[in-house]
Amino acid sequence: PPLVLDCSTGRQDPLLQTTADAGRIATDADNEHKLQTLVATMGDKMIVQYGWSVQREAWEPLWDIENTVGVLAMDLISDRLLVFHEGGYVQAQDMQTGRLCSTWAFDSKDAVIGGGCGNKKYKTILILVKKGHGTTLMRAELPGLDECTGKANRPAVSLIA
């Protein structure tokens, strides 16, 4: 089975009940930096949440979060899963309820080329974008990140230098 490498400890643990490689991974750790939650794209088709099985000493699937394609990156910040998609938009989903909280579109869908992470304290994200003939790391604010009203769309997100 595919293995998950915890870079902070060097430990390698299997992802159970799959033979597909994990394309993208997001994790959340406790105060002692021990991994608690793992979310992965499997075969670039399904986002799956995994939990640690003490008995099996491995990550076992808990539930399928979303059937999707074109995921550039994911990040877990507290109880929100941020999914950065091709086409210039990011979604936030509540990890406790599974409810889609919000979707934000970027001003230019062609600008977003990959990599993204969130900062819940400041309600911002960092995203890798095309700029001229190169790339740059930009910041964007996510209004309403704490809310989970189920509103599917939010105003366009402007990238801040």
N, C-alpha and C. Protein backbone atom coordinates (compact mmCIF):
# COMPACT_ATOMS: atom_id res chain seq x y z
N PRO A 1 0.82 -1.20 0.00
CA PRO A 1 0.00 0.00 0.00
C PRO A 1 0.86 1.26 0.00
N PRO A 2 0.30 2.38 -0.41
CA PRO A 2 1.05 3.64 -0.34
C PRO A 2 1.44 3.96 1.10
N LEU A 3 2.56 4.67 1.26
CA LEU A 3 3.06 5.04 2.58
C LEU A 3 2.99 6.55 2.79
N VAL A 4 2.78 6.96 4.04
CA VAL A 4 2.82 8.36 4.43
C VAL A 4 4.08 8.57 5.25
N LEU A 5 4.90 9.54 4.85
CA LEU A 5 6.13 9.86 5.56
C LEU A 5 5.88 11.08 6.43
N ASP A 6 6.05 10.94 7.73
CA ASP A 6 5.98 12.07 8.68
C ASP A 6 7.38 12.66 8.73
N CYS A 7 7.55 13.81 8.09
CA CYS A 7 8.88 14.43 7.98
C CYS A 7 9.46 14.83 9.33
N SER A 8 8.60 15.12 10.32
CA SER A 8 9.12 15.54 11.62
C SER A 8 9.72 14.37 12.41
N THR A 9 9.27 13.13 12.11
CA THR A 9 9.79 11.97 12.86
C THR A 9 10.52 10.96 11.97
N GLY A 10 10.31 11.04 10.67
CA GLY A 10 10.90 10.07 9.75
C GLY A 10 10.09 8.78 9.66
N ARG A 11 8.99 8.70 10.39
CA ARG A 11 8.16 7.49 10.41
C ARG A 11 7.36 7.35 9.12
N GLN A 12 7.26 6.11 8.63
CA GLN A 12 6.47 5.80 7.44
C GLN A 12 5.35 4.85 7.82
N ASP A 13 4.11 5.23 7.49
CA ASP A 13 2.94 4.41 7.82
C ASP A 13 2.06 4.24 6.59
N PRO A 14 1.45 3.05 6.45
CA PRO A 14 0.64 2.78 5.26
C PRO A 14 -0.73 3.46 5.28
N LEU A 15 -1.22 3.76 4.06
CA LEU A 15 -2.62 4.14 3.85
C LEU A 15 -3.36 2.86 3.50
N LEU A 16 -4.31 2.48 4.32
CA LEU A 16 -5.01 1.22 4.13
C LEU A 16 -6.16 1.32 3.11
N GLN A 17 -6.53 0.17 2.59
CA GLN A 17 -7.68 -0.01 1.72
C GLN A 17 -7.59 0.79 0.42
N THR A 18 -6.38 0.97 -0.08
CA THR A 18 -6.19 1.62 -1.37
C THR A 18 -4.89 1.12 -1.99
N THR A 19 -4.86 1.13 -3.30
CA THR A 19 -3.62 0.88 -4.02
C THR A 19 -3.23 2.11 -4.82
N ALA A 20 -4.12 3.11 -4.86
CA ALA A 20 -3.85 4.35 -5.58
C ALA A 20 -2.87 5.22 -4.80
N ASP A 21 -2.04 5.92 -5.53
CA ASP A 21 -1.13 6.87 -4.89
C ASP A 21 -1.90 8.10 -4.45
N ALA A 22 -1.48 8.67 -3.35
CA ALA A 22 -2.06 9.93 -2.89
C ALA A 22 -1.42 11.06 -3.68
N GLY A 23 -2.24 11.84 -4.37
CA GLY A 23 -1.71 12.93 -5.18
C GLY A 23 -1.39 14.16 -4.35
N ARG A 24 -2.30 14.55 -3.48
CA ARG A 24 -2.14 15.71 -2.61
C ARG A 24 -2.49 15.27 -1.19
N ILE A 25 -1.79 15.82 -0.20
CA ILE A 25 -2.05 15.45 1.20
C ILE A 25 -2.10 16.72 2.04
N ALA A 26 -3.04 16.73 2.98
CA ALA A 26 -3.10 17.79 4.00
C ALA A 26 -3.21 17.09 5.35
N THR A 27 -2.54 17.63 6.36
CA THR A 27 -2.57 17.01 7.69
C THR A 27 -2.84 18.06 8.76
N ASP A 28 -3.26 17.56 9.91
CA ASP A 28 -3.46 18.40 11.09
C ASP A 28 -2.83 17.66 12.26
N ALA A 29 -2.10 18.40 13.09
CA ALA A 29 -1.39 17.78 14.22
C ALA A 29 -1.90 18.36 15.54
N ASP A 30 -1.68 17.60 16.61
CA ASP A 30 -2.05 18.08 17.95
C ASP A 30 -0.94 18.98 18.49
N ASN A 31 -1.07 19.39 19.73
CA ASN A 31 -0.09 20.29 20.35
C ASN A 31 1.30 19.68 20.47
N GLU A 32 1.39 18.36 20.44
CA GLU A 32 2.67 17.67 20.52
C GLU A 32 3.21 17.35 19.12
N HIS A 33 2.60 17.93 18.10
CA HIS A 33 2.99 17.76 16.70
C HIS A 33 2.79 16.34 16.18
N LYS A 34 1.90 15.59 16.83
CA LYS A 34 1.57 14.26 16.36
C LYS A 34 0.40 14.36 15.37
N LEU A 35 0.55 13.74 14.21
CA LEU A 35 -0.49 13.81 13.19
C LEU A 35 -1.80 13.22 13.73
N GLN A 36 -2.88 13.95 13.55
CA GLN A 36 -4.20 13.54 14.02
C GLN A 36 -5.13 13.20 12.86
N THR A 37 -5.11 14.04 11.83
CA THR A 37 -5.99 13.90 10.69
C THR A 37 -5.17 13.96 9.42
N LEU A 38 -5.55 13.17 8.45
CA LEU A 38 -4.89 13.16 7.16
C LEU A 38 -5.99 13.16 6.10
N VAL A 39 -5.86 14.05 5.13
CA VAL A 39 -6.78 14.11 4.00
C VAL A 39 -5.93 13.96 2.75
N ALA A 40 -6.38 13.12 1.81
CA ALA A 40 -5.59 12.87 0.61
C ALA A 40 -6.48 12.77 -0.62
N THR A 41 -5.91 13.19 -1.77
CA THR A 41 -6.58 12.92 -3.04
C THR A 41 -6.08 11.57 -3.51
N MET A 42 -6.99 10.71 -3.85
CA MET A 42 -6.63 9.36 -4.28
C MET A 42 -6.90 9.21 -5.78
N GLY A 43 -5.84 8.97 -6.54
CA GLY A 43 -5.98 8.81 -7.97
C GLY A 43 -6.54 10.04 -8.65
N ASP A 44 -6.36 11.22 -8.07
CA ASP A 44 -6.85 12.50 -8.59
C ASP A 44 -8.35 12.46 -8.89
N LYS A 45 -9.10 11.64 -8.13
CA LYS A 45 -10.54 11.57 -8.34
C LYS A 45 -11.34 11.75 -7.06
N MET A 46 -10.79 11.38 -5.92
CA MET A 46 -11.56 11.40 -4.68
C MET A 46 -10.72 11.99 -3.56
N ILE A 47 -11.33 12.88 -2.76
CA ILE A 47 -10.68 13.37 -1.55
C ILE A 47 -11.20 12.52 -0.40
N VAL A 48 -10.28 11.90 0.34
CA VAL A 48 -10.63 10.96 1.41
C VAL A 48 -10.02 11.42 2.72
N GLN A 49 -10.80 11.35 3.80
CA GLN A 49 -10.26 11.62 5.13
C GLN A 49 -9.84 10.30 5.77
N TYR A 50 -8.63 10.31 6.34
CA TYR A 50 -8.08 9.15 7.03
C TYR A 50 -7.94 9.45 8.51
N GLY A 51 -8.04 8.42 9.32
CA GLY A 51 -7.79 8.51 10.75
C GLY A 51 -6.79 7.46 11.15
N TRP A 52 -6.08 7.70 12.24
CA TRP A 52 -5.06 6.77 12.70
C TRP A 52 -5.71 5.59 13.41
N SER A 53 -5.34 4.37 13.02
CA SER A 53 -5.81 3.16 13.68
C SER A 53 -4.69 2.64 14.58
N VAL A 54 -4.92 2.70 15.89
CA VAL A 54 -3.93 2.22 16.85
C VAL A 54 -3.74 0.72 16.68
N GLN A 55 -4.84 -0.02 16.49
CA GLN A 55 -4.76 -1.47 16.37
C GLN A 55 -3.98 -1.90 15.13
N ARG A 56 -4.17 -1.22 14.04
CA ARG A 56 -3.55 -1.61 12.77
C ARG A 56 -2.24 -0.86 12.51
N GLU A 57 -1.93 0.14 13.34
CA GLU A 57 -0.75 0.98 13.16
C GLU A 57 -0.64 1.47 11.72
N ALA A 58 -1.74 2.09 11.27
CA ALA A 58 -1.81 2.58 9.90
C ALA A 58 -2.94 3.60 9.79
N TRP A 59 -2.96 4.32 8.66
CA TRP A 59 -4.04 5.26 8.38
C TRP A 59 -5.15 4.52 7.67
N GLU A 60 -6.37 4.58 8.24
CA GLU A 60 -7.51 3.91 7.60
C GLU A 60 -8.52 4.95 7.15
N PRO A 61 -9.20 4.69 6.01
CA PRO A 61 -10.16 5.66 5.49
C PRO A 61 -11.37 5.78 6.41
N LEU A 62 -11.79 7.03 6.66
CA LEU A 62 -12.97 7.29 7.48
C LEU A 62 -14.18 7.58 6.60
N TRP A 63 -14.00 8.46 5.60
CA TRP A 63 -15.09 8.77 4.68
C TRP A 63 -14.56 9.49 3.45
N ASP A 64 -15.32 9.35 2.36
CA ASP A 64 -15.01 10.07 1.13
C ASP A 64 -15.60 11.47 1.26
N ILE A 65 -14.75 12.46 1.12
CA ILE A 65 -15.19 13.84 1.28
C ILE A 65 -15.83 14.37 0.00
N GLU A 66 -15.16 14.18 -1.12
CA GLU A 66 -15.64 14.76 -2.36
C GLU A 66 -15.06 14.00 -3.55
N ASN A 67 -15.88 13.82 -4.58
CA ASN A 67 -15.42 13.27 -5.84
C ASN A 67 -15.07 14.47 -6.72
N THR A 68 -13.80 14.64 -7.07
CA THR A 68 -13.37 15.85 -7.75
C THR A 68 -12.14 15.57 -8.60
N VAL A 69 -11.84 16.49 -9.49
CA VAL A 69 -10.59 16.46 -10.27
C VAL A 69 -10.00 17.86 -10.26
N GLY A 70 -8.75 17.96 -10.62
CA GLY A 70 -8.11 19.27 -10.75
C GLY A 70 -7.73 19.92 -9.43
N VAL A 71 -7.42 19.13 -8.41
CA VAL A 71 -6.99 19.70 -7.13
C VAL A 71 -5.51 20.07 -7.23
N LEU A 72 -5.21 21.35 -7.00
CA LEU A 72 -3.82 21.81 -7.01
C LEU A 72 -3.14 21.62 -5.66
N ALA A 73 -3.92 21.86 -4.58
CA ALA A 73 -3.36 21.77 -3.23
C ALA A 73 -4.51 21.70 -2.23
N MET A 74 -4.18 21.28 -1.01
CA MET A 74 -5.14 21.25 0.09
C MET A 74 -4.42 21.67 1.37
N ASP A 75 -5.21 22.18 2.32
CA ASP A 75 -4.67 22.51 3.62
C ASP A 75 -5.77 22.34 4.66
N LEU A 76 -5.40 21.85 5.82
CA LEU A 76 -6.32 21.76 6.96
C LEU A 76 -5.95 22.85 7.94
N ILE A 77 -6.90 23.71 8.25
CA ILE A 77 -6.68 24.73 9.27
C ILE A 77 -7.85 24.64 10.24
N SER A 78 -7.53 24.15 11.44
CA SER A 78 -8.55 23.88 12.47
C SER A 78 -9.60 22.94 11.90
N ASP A 79 -10.84 23.38 11.82
CA ASP A 79 -11.92 22.51 11.36
C ASP A 79 -12.31 22.77 9.92
N ARG A 80 -11.44 23.42 9.14
CA ARG A 80 -11.73 23.72 7.74
C ARG A 80 -10.72 23.03 6.82
N LEU A 81 -11.25 22.41 5.78
CA LEU A 81 -10.42 21.88 4.70
C LEU A 81 -10.47 22.89 3.57
N LEU A 82 -9.32 23.43 3.19
CA LEU A 82 -9.22 24.32 2.03
C LEU A 82 -8.75 23.50 0.84
N VAL A 83 -9.49 23.58 -0.26
CA VAL A 83 -9.13 22.86 -1.48
C VAL A 83 -8.92 23.89 -2.58
N PHE A 84 -7.70 23.94 -3.12
CA PHE A 84 -7.34 24.85 -4.19
C PHE A 84 -7.50 24.10 -5.51
N HIS A 85 -8.35 24.62 -6.39
CA HIS A 85 -8.69 23.94 -7.64
C HIS A 85 -8.08 24.63 -8.85
N GLU A 86 -7.83 23.83 -9.91
CA GLU A 86 -7.51 24.41 -11.20
C GLU A 86 -8.69 25.28 -11.61
N GLY A 87 -8.43 26.31 -12.36
CA GLY A 87 -9.50 27.20 -12.77
C GLY A 87 -9.65 28.39 -11.86
N GLY A 88 -8.80 28.51 -10.84
CA GLY A 88 -8.74 29.73 -10.06
C GLY A 88 -9.78 29.89 -8.98
N TYR A 89 -10.08 28.83 -8.23
CA TYR A 89 -10.97 29.00 -7.09
C TYR A 89 -10.55 28.10 -5.94
N VAL A 90 -10.98 28.49 -4.73
CA VAL A 90 -10.68 27.74 -3.51
C VAL A 90 -11.98 27.52 -2.76
N GLN A 91 -12.12 26.33 -2.18
CA GLN A 91 -13.31 25.98 -1.40
C GLN A 91 -12.91 25.69 0.04
N ALA A 92 -13.82 26.03 0.98
CA ALA A 92 -13.65 25.68 2.39
C ALA A 92 -14.79 24.75 2.77
N GLN A 93 -14.43 23.66 3.43
CA GLN A 93 -15.42 22.68 3.86
C GLN A 93 -15.24 22.42 5.35
N ASP A 94 -16.37 22.33 6.08
CA ASP A 94 -16.34 22.05 7.51
C ASP A 94 -16.03 20.57 7.70
N MET A 95 -14.95 20.26 8.42
CA MET A 95 -14.54 18.87 8.61
C MET A 95 -15.42 18.12 9.61
N GLN A 96 -16.15 18.83 10.46
CA GLN A 96 -17.02 18.17 11.42
C GLN A 96 -18.33 17.73 10.78
N THR A 97 -18.89 18.59 9.93
CA THR A 97 -20.21 18.31 9.35
C THR A 97 -20.14 17.84 7.91
N GLY A 98 -19.02 18.10 7.23
CA GLY A 98 -18.91 17.79 5.82
C GLY A 98 -19.54 18.84 4.92
N ARG A 99 -20.07 19.88 5.52
CA ARG A 99 -20.78 20.92 4.79
C ARG A 99 -19.80 21.83 4.05
N LEU A 100 -20.12 22.14 2.78
CA LEU A 100 -19.35 23.11 2.02
C LEU A 100 -19.65 24.48 2.59
N CYS A 101 -18.62 25.18 3.03
CA CYS A 101 -18.81 26.50 3.67
C CYS A 101 -18.84 27.61 2.64
N SER A 102 -17.82 27.68 1.80
CA SER A 102 -17.72 28.78 0.85
C SER A 102 -16.86 28.37 -0.34
N THR A 103 -17.05 29.10 -1.42
CA THR A 103 -16.21 29.01 -2.59
C THR A 103 -15.81 30.42 -2.97
N TRP A 104 -14.52 30.65 -3.15
CA TRP A 104 -14.03 31.95 -3.57
C TRP A 104 -13.35 31.80 -4.92
N ALA A 105 -13.61 32.73 -5.82
CA ALA A 105 -12.96 32.75 -7.13
C ALA A 105 -11.88 33.81 -7.13
N PHE A 106 -10.82 33.58 -7.87
CA PHE A 106 -9.77 34.57 -8.01
C PHE A 106 -10.07 35.46 -9.20
N ASP A 107 -9.53 36.68 -9.18
CA ASP A 107 -9.77 37.63 -10.26
C ASP A 107 -9.40 37.05 -11.62
N SER A 108 -8.29 36.37 -11.68
CA SER A 108 -7.83 35.78 -12.93
C SER A 108 -7.63 34.29 -12.74
N LYS A 109 -8.51 33.49 -13.35
CA LYS A 109 -8.42 32.04 -13.17
C LYS A 109 -7.15 31.45 -13.75
N ASP A 110 -6.55 32.13 -14.73
CA ASP A 110 -5.32 31.62 -15.33
C ASP A 110 -4.09 31.92 -14.48
N ALA A 111 -4.21 32.84 -13.52
CA ALA A 111 -3.06 33.25 -12.73
C ALA A 111 -2.64 32.17 -11.73
N VAL A 112 -3.60 31.43 -11.18
CA VAL A 112 -3.29 30.44 -10.15
C VAL A 112 -2.72 29.19 -10.80
N ILE A 113 -1.48 28.84 -10.41
CA ILE A 113 -0.86 27.69 -11.06
C ILE A 113 -0.55 26.55 -10.10
N GLY A 114 -0.67 26.76 -8.81
CA GLY A 114 -0.44 25.64 -7.91
C GLY A 114 -0.03 26.08 -6.53
N GLY A 115 -0.01 25.11 -5.64
CA GLY A 115 0.41 25.33 -4.29
C GLY A 115 -0.44 26.34 -3.55
N GLY A 116 -0.90 25.96 -2.40
CA GLY A 116 -1.69 26.87 -1.59
C GLY A 116 -1.71 26.40 -0.14
N CYS A 117 -1.81 27.35 0.77
CA CYS A 117 -1.96 27.03 2.19
C CYS A 117 -2.73 28.14 2.86
N GLY A 118 -3.32 27.83 4.00
CA GLY A 118 -4.17 28.79 4.69
C GLY A 118 -3.62 29.22 6.03
N ASN A 119 -4.11 30.38 6.51
CA ASN A 119 -3.79 30.89 7.83
C ASN A 119 -5.09 31.38 8.44
N LYS A 120 -5.67 30.56 9.32
CA LYS A 120 -6.98 30.88 9.88
C LYS A 120 -6.95 32.13 10.75
N LYS A 121 -5.86 32.33 11.48
CA LYS A 121 -5.76 33.49 12.37
C LYS A 121 -5.98 34.79 11.60
N TYR A 122 -5.40 34.88 10.42
CA TYR A 122 -5.49 36.09 9.61
C TYR A 122 -6.51 35.98 8.48
N LYS A 123 -7.19 34.81 8.37
CA LYS A 123 -8.18 34.56 7.33
C LYS A 123 -7.61 34.84 5.94
N THR A 124 -6.41 34.31 5.72
CA THR A 124 -5.73 34.51 4.45
C THR A 124 -5.22 33.19 3.91
N ILE A 125 -4.84 33.22 2.65
CA ILE A 125 -4.19 32.08 2.01
C ILE A 125 -2.94 32.58 1.31
N LEU A 126 -2.02 31.68 1.08
CA LEU A 126 -0.88 31.92 0.20
C LEU A 126 -1.06 31.03 -1.01
N ILE A 127 -0.77 31.58 -2.19
CA ILE A 127 -1.00 30.83 -3.42
C ILE A 127 0.10 31.17 -4.43
N LEU A 128 0.51 30.17 -5.20
CA LEU A 128 1.54 30.36 -6.23
C LEU A 128 0.84 30.78 -7.53
N VAL A 129 1.27 31.94 -8.09
CA VAL A 129 0.61 32.49 -9.28
C VAL A 129 1.63 32.87 -10.35
N LYS A 130 1.13 32.92 -11.59
CA LYS A 130 1.94 33.42 -12.71
C LYS A 130 2.00 34.93 -12.61
N LYS A 131 3.19 35.47 -12.85
CA LYS A 131 3.34 36.92 -12.88
C LYS A 131 4.37 37.24 -13.94
N GLY A 132 3.92 37.84 -15.03
CA GLY A 132 4.82 38.11 -16.15
C GLY A 132 5.30 36.79 -16.73
N HIS A 133 6.63 36.64 -16.81
CA HIS A 133 7.22 35.40 -17.33
C HIS A 133 7.66 34.46 -16.22
N GLY A 134 7.35 34.80 -14.97
CA GLY A 134 7.76 33.97 -13.85
C GLY A 134 6.60 33.64 -12.93
N THR A 135 6.95 33.26 -11.73
CA THR A 135 5.95 32.93 -10.72
C THR A 135 6.27 33.70 -9.44
N THR A 136 5.25 33.86 -8.61
CA THR A 136 5.43 34.53 -7.34
C THR A 136 4.44 33.97 -6.33
N LEU A 137 4.76 34.12 -5.07
CA LEU A 137 3.88 33.71 -3.99
C LEU A 137 3.07 34.93 -3.56
N MET A 138 1.75 34.79 -3.61
CA MET A 138 0.86 35.91 -3.30
C MET A 138 -0.03 35.55 -2.11
N ARG A 139 -0.56 36.58 -1.47
CA ARG A 139 -1.48 36.40 -0.36
C ARG A 139 -2.85 36.91 -0.77
N ALA A 140 -3.90 36.26 -0.27
CA ALA A 140 -5.27 36.70 -0.53
C ALA A 140 -6.08 36.53 0.74
N GLU A 141 -7.00 37.46 0.96
CA GLU A 141 -7.89 37.37 2.11
C GLU A 141 -9.12 36.56 1.74
N LEU A 142 -9.63 35.78 2.71
CA LEU A 142 -10.84 34.98 2.51
C LEU A 142 -11.94 35.50 3.45
N PRO A 143 -12.73 36.45 3.00
CA PRO A 143 -13.79 36.95 3.86
C PRO A 143 -14.80 35.85 4.17
N GLY A 144 -15.20 35.76 5.43
CA GLY A 144 -16.21 34.78 5.82
C GLY A 144 -15.69 33.38 6.04
N LEU A 145 -14.38 33.20 6.21
CA LEU A 145 -13.82 31.86 6.40
C LEU A 145 -14.39 31.18 7.64
N ASP A 146 -14.62 31.93 8.70
CA ASP A 146 -15.13 31.34 9.94
C ASP A 146 -16.60 30.93 9.84
N GLU A 147 -17.33 31.59 8.96
CA GLU A 147 -18.75 31.28 8.80
C GLU A 147 -18.90 30.00 7.99
N CYS A 148 -19.93 29.27 8.26
CA CYS A 148 -20.25 28.13 7.41
C CYS A 148 -21.75 28.15 7.17
N THR A 149 -22.14 29.12 6.37
CA THR A 149 -23.56 29.35 6.10
C THR A 149 -24.06 28.50 4.94
N GLY A 150 -23.13 27.86 4.23
CA GLY A 150 -23.53 27.06 3.09
C GLY A 150 -23.68 27.87 1.82
N LYS A 151 -23.38 29.19 1.87
CA LYS A 151 -23.42 29.99 0.66
C LYS A 151 -22.32 29.49 -0.27
N ALA A 152 -22.72 29.10 -1.45
CA ALA A 152 -21.76 28.46 -2.35
C ALA A 152 -20.72 29.42 -2.89
N ASN A 153 -21.08 30.68 -3.11
CA ASN A 153 -20.15 31.59 -3.76
C ASN A 153 -19.90 32.82 -2.93
N ARG A 154 -18.69 33.30 -3.00
CA ARG A 154 -18.27 34.54 -2.37
C ARG A 154 -17.75 35.45 -3.47
N PRO A 155 -17.56 36.73 -3.18
CA PRO A 155 -17.00 37.64 -4.18
C PRO A 155 -15.61 37.17 -4.61
N ALA A 156 -15.18 37.70 -5.74
CA ALA A 156 -13.84 37.36 -6.23
C ALA A 156 -12.79 37.78 -5.21
N VAL A 157 -11.75 36.99 -5.11
CA VAL A 157 -10.65 37.24 -4.19
C VAL A 157 -9.55 37.95 -4.95
N SER A 158 -9.09 39.07 -4.41
CA SER A 158 -7.99 39.80 -5.02
C SER A 158 -6.68 39.34 -4.38
N LEU A 159 -5.69 39.13 -5.21
CA LEU A 159 -4.38 38.75 -4.72
C LEU A 159 -3.64 39.99 -4.23
N ILE A 160 -3.00 39.87 -3.07
CA ILE A 160 -2.27 40.96 -2.45
C ILE A 160 -0.80 40.62 -2.52
N ALA A 161 0.02 41.56 -2.91
CA ALA A 161 1.46 41.29 -3.04
C ALA A 161 2.05 40.83 -1.72
